[in-house]
Amino acid sequence: MMDNDDLQVLLSTMKQVGDTLGQAQAINQANQYILMEVVRDLARASDDPDRYLSGMFERISGRADQGPIEKEAHPVAMEFRNTISLFFAKARHNLE
């Protein structure tokens, strides 16, 4: 059974974890917005924006194939592929 001091330590630790997760989410969101604008600018500057985005998607997908996670079905590899698919779909959709 936890005494009051142990409970306070646990609650403090949980608050720190929550604060850290919130900070990480904010940083991730900011980086995604910045990166999306850079990718769109580069695509718009190319002769064929769709081809540019497709090529970039293929290059980044290829890195996943060379990464440390060997199994295609590994949850991290699956999340990586899903994330880049969604990113490039959004970049292409809002390219206009």
C-alpha atoms as a PDB file:
ATOM      1  CA  MET A   1       0.000   0.000   0.000  1.00  0.00           C
ATOM      2  CA  MET A   2       1.235   3.509  -0.823  1.00  0.00           C
ATOM      3  CA  ASP A   3       1.657   6.065   1.855  1.00  0.00           C
ATOM      4  CA  ASN A   4       0.912   9.736   1.281  1.00  0.00           C
ATOM      5  CA  ASP A   5       4.527  10.622   0.402  1.00  0.00           C
ATOM      6  CA  ASP A   6       4.708   7.875  -2.236  1.00  0.00           C
ATOM      7  CA  LEU A   7       1.415   9.019  -3.697  1.00  0.00           C
ATOM      8  CA  GLN A   8       2.643  12.617  -3.914  1.00  0.00           C
ATOM      9  CA  VAL A   9       5.823  11.476  -5.699  1.00  0.00           C
ATOM     10  CA  LEU A  10       3.751   9.427  -8.145  1.00  0.00           C
ATOM     11  CA  LEU A  11       1.390  12.321  -8.834  1.00  0.00           C
ATOM     12  CA  SER A  12       4.311  14.695  -9.348  1.00  0.00           C
ATOM     13  CA  THR A  13       5.975  12.266 -11.736  1.00  0.00           C
ATOM     14  CA  MET A  14       2.743  11.808 -13.690  1.00  0.00           C
ATOM     15  CA  LYS A  15       2.379  15.586 -13.998  1.00  0.00           C
ATOM     16  CA  GLN A  16       5.954  15.860 -15.299  1.00  0.00           C
ATOM     17  CA  VAL A  17       5.296  13.116 -17.849  1.00  0.00           C
ATOM     18  CA  GLY A  18       2.111  14.896 -18.981  1.00  0.00           C
ATOM     19  CA  ASP A  19       3.945  18.220 -19.266  1.00  0.00           C
ATOM     20  CA  THR A  20       6.755  16.587 -21.246  1.00  0.00           C
ATOM     21  CA  LEU A  21       4.297  14.899 -23.618  1.00  0.00           C
ATOM     22  CA  GLY A  22       2.501  18.193 -24.175  1.00  0.00           C
ATOM     23  CA  GLN A  23       5.765  19.923 -24.969  1.00  0.00           C
ATOM     24  CA  ALA A  24       6.769  17.141 -27.375  1.00  0.00           C
ATOM     25  CA  GLN A  25       3.401  17.393 -29.133  1.00  0.00           C
ATOM     26  CA  ALA A  26       3.758  21.151 -29.539  1.00  0.00           C
ATOM     27  CA  ILE A  27       7.278  20.799 -30.955  1.00  0.00           C
ATOM     28  CA  ASN A  28       6.155  18.014 -33.308  1.00  0.00           C
ATOM     29  CA  GLN A  29       3.196  20.067 -34.547  1.00  0.00           C
ATOM     30  CA  ALA A  30       5.364  23.129 -35.175  1.00  0.00           C
ATOM     31  CA  ASN A  31       7.968  21.071 -37.019  1.00  0.00           C
ATOM     32  CA  GLN A  32       5.278  19.429 -39.154  1.00  0.00           C
ATOM     33  CA  TYR A  33       3.792  22.788 -40.170  1.00  0.00           C
ATOM     34  CA  ILE A  34       7.224  24.192 -41.038  1.00  0.00           C
ATOM     35  CA  LEU A  35       8.231  21.086 -42.959  1.00  0.00           C
ATOM     36  CA  MET A  36       4.946  21.039 -44.889  1.00  0.00           C
ATOM     37  CA  GLU A  37       5.511  24.602 -46.070  1.00  0.00           C
ATOM     38  CA  VAL A  38       9.097  23.837 -47.134  1.00  0.00           C
ATOM     39  CA  VAL A  39       8.039  20.694 -49.029  1.00  0.00           C
ATOM     40  CA  ARG A  40       5.214  22.553 -50.782  1.00  0.00           C
ATOM     41  CA  ASP A  41       7.514  25.425 -51.735  1.00  0.00           C
ATOM     42  CA  LEU A  42      10.041  22.980 -53.202  1.00  0.00           C
ATOM     43  CA  ALA A  43       7.312  21.107 -55.085  1.00  0.00           C
ATOM     44  CA  ARG A  44       5.822  24.312 -56.491  1.00  0.00           C
ATOM     45  CA  ALA A  45       9.272  25.420 -57.662  1.00  0.00           C
ATOM     46  CA  SER A  46       9.764  22.198 -59.636  1.00  0.00           C
ATOM     47  CA  ASP A  47       8.597  21.613 -63.206  1.00  0.00           C
ATOM     48  CA  ASP A  48       6.261  18.810 -62.086  1.00  0.00           C
ATOM     49  CA  PRO A  49       5.101  19.196 -58.461  1.00  0.00           C
ATOM     50  CA  ASP A  50       3.347  15.814 -58.317  1.00  0.00           C
ATOM     51  CA  ARG A  51       6.408  14.042 -59.656  1.00  0.00           C
ATOM     52  CA  TYR A  52       8.607  15.905 -57.180  1.00  0.00           C
ATOM     53  CA  LEU A  53       6.411  14.838 -54.241  1.00  0.00           C
ATOM     54  CA  SER A  54       6.264  11.248 -55.490  1.00  0.00           C
ATOM     55  CA  GLY A  55      10.043  11.121 -55.798  1.00  0.00           C
ATOM     56  CA  MET A  56      10.533  12.538 -52.332  1.00  0.00           C
ATOM     57  CA  PHE A  57       8.038  10.036 -50.928  1.00  0.00           C
ATOM     58  CA  GLU A  58       9.906   7.162 -52.596  1.00  0.00           C
ATOM     59  CA  ARG A  59      13.278   8.353 -51.263  1.00  0.00           C
ATOM     60  CA  ILE A  60      11.967   8.635 -47.723  1.00  0.00           C
ATOM     61  CA  SER A  61      10.155   5.287 -47.964  1.00  0.00           C
ATOM     62  CA  GLY A  62      13.423   3.749 -49.133  1.00  0.00           C
ATOM     63  CA  ARG A  63      15.125   4.901 -45.967  1.00  0.00           C
ATOM     64  CA  ALA A  64      12.573   2.961 -43.950  1.00  0.00           C
ATOM     65  CA  ASP A  65      13.551  -0.162 -45.881  1.00  0.00           C
ATOM     66  CA  GLN A  66      17.172   0.367 -44.846  1.00  0.00           C
ATOM     67  CA  GLY A  67      16.385   1.200 -41.217  1.00  0.00           C
ATOM     68  CA  PRO A  68      17.000  -0.845 -38.114  1.00  0.00           C
ATOM     69  CA  ILE A  69      13.482  -2.279 -38.009  1.00  0.00           C
ATOM     70  CA  GLU A  70      13.615  -5.298 -40.257  1.00  0.00           C
ATOM     71  CA  LYS A  71      10.061  -6.559 -40.101  1.00  0.00           C
ATOM     72  CA  GLU A  72       7.625  -4.704 -42.347  1.00  0.00           C
ATOM     73  CA  ALA A  73       4.786  -5.418 -39.922  1.00  0.00           C
ATOM     74  CA  HIS A  74       6.614  -3.968 -36.898  1.00  0.00           C
ATOM     75  CA  PRO A  75       4.349  -1.315 -35.327  1.00  0.00           C
ATOM     76  CA  VAL A  76       7.029   1.394 -35.560  1.00  0.00           C
ATOM     77  CA  ALA A  77       7.662   0.690 -39.245  1.00  0.00           C
ATOM     78  CA  MET A  78       3.935   0.638 -39.917  1.00  0.00           C
ATOM     79  CA  GLU A  79       3.437   3.966 -38.118  1.00  0.00           C
ATOM     80  CA  PHE A  80       6.378   5.489 -40.009  1.00  0.00           C
ATOM     81  CA  ARG A  81       4.905   4.447 -43.361  1.00  0.00           C
ATOM     82  CA  ASN A  82       1.441   5.644 -42.380  1.00  0.00           C
ATOM     83  CA  THR A  83       2.791   8.994 -41.227  1.00  0.00           C
ATOM     84  CA  ILE A  84       4.744   9.702 -44.406  1.00  0.00           C
ATOM     85  CA  SER A  85       1.819   8.541 -46.561  1.00  0.00           C
ATOM     86  CA  LEU A  86      -0.523  10.947 -44.804  1.00  0.00           C
ATOM     87  CA  PHE A  87       2.042  13.753 -44.932  1.00  0.00           C
ATOM     88  CA  PHE A  88       2.565  13.497 -48.694  1.00  0.00           C
ATOM     89  CA  ALA A  89      -1.143  13.037 -49.389  1.00  0.00           C
ATOM     90  CA  LYS A  90      -1.803  16.251 -47.475  1.00  0.00           C
ATOM     91  CA  ALA A  91       1.068  18.033 -49.226  1.00  0.00           C
ATOM     92  CA  ARG A  92      -0.289  17.009 -52.633  1.00  0.00           C
ATOM     93  CA  HIS A  93      -3.894  17.840 -51.737  1.00  0.00           C
ATOM     94  CA  ASN A  94      -3.108  21.355 -50.541  1.00  0.00           C
ATOM     95  CA  LEU A  95      -0.490  22.128 -53.171  1.00  0.00           C
ATOM     96  CA  GLU A  96      -2.654  24.618 -55.083  1.00  0.00           C
END
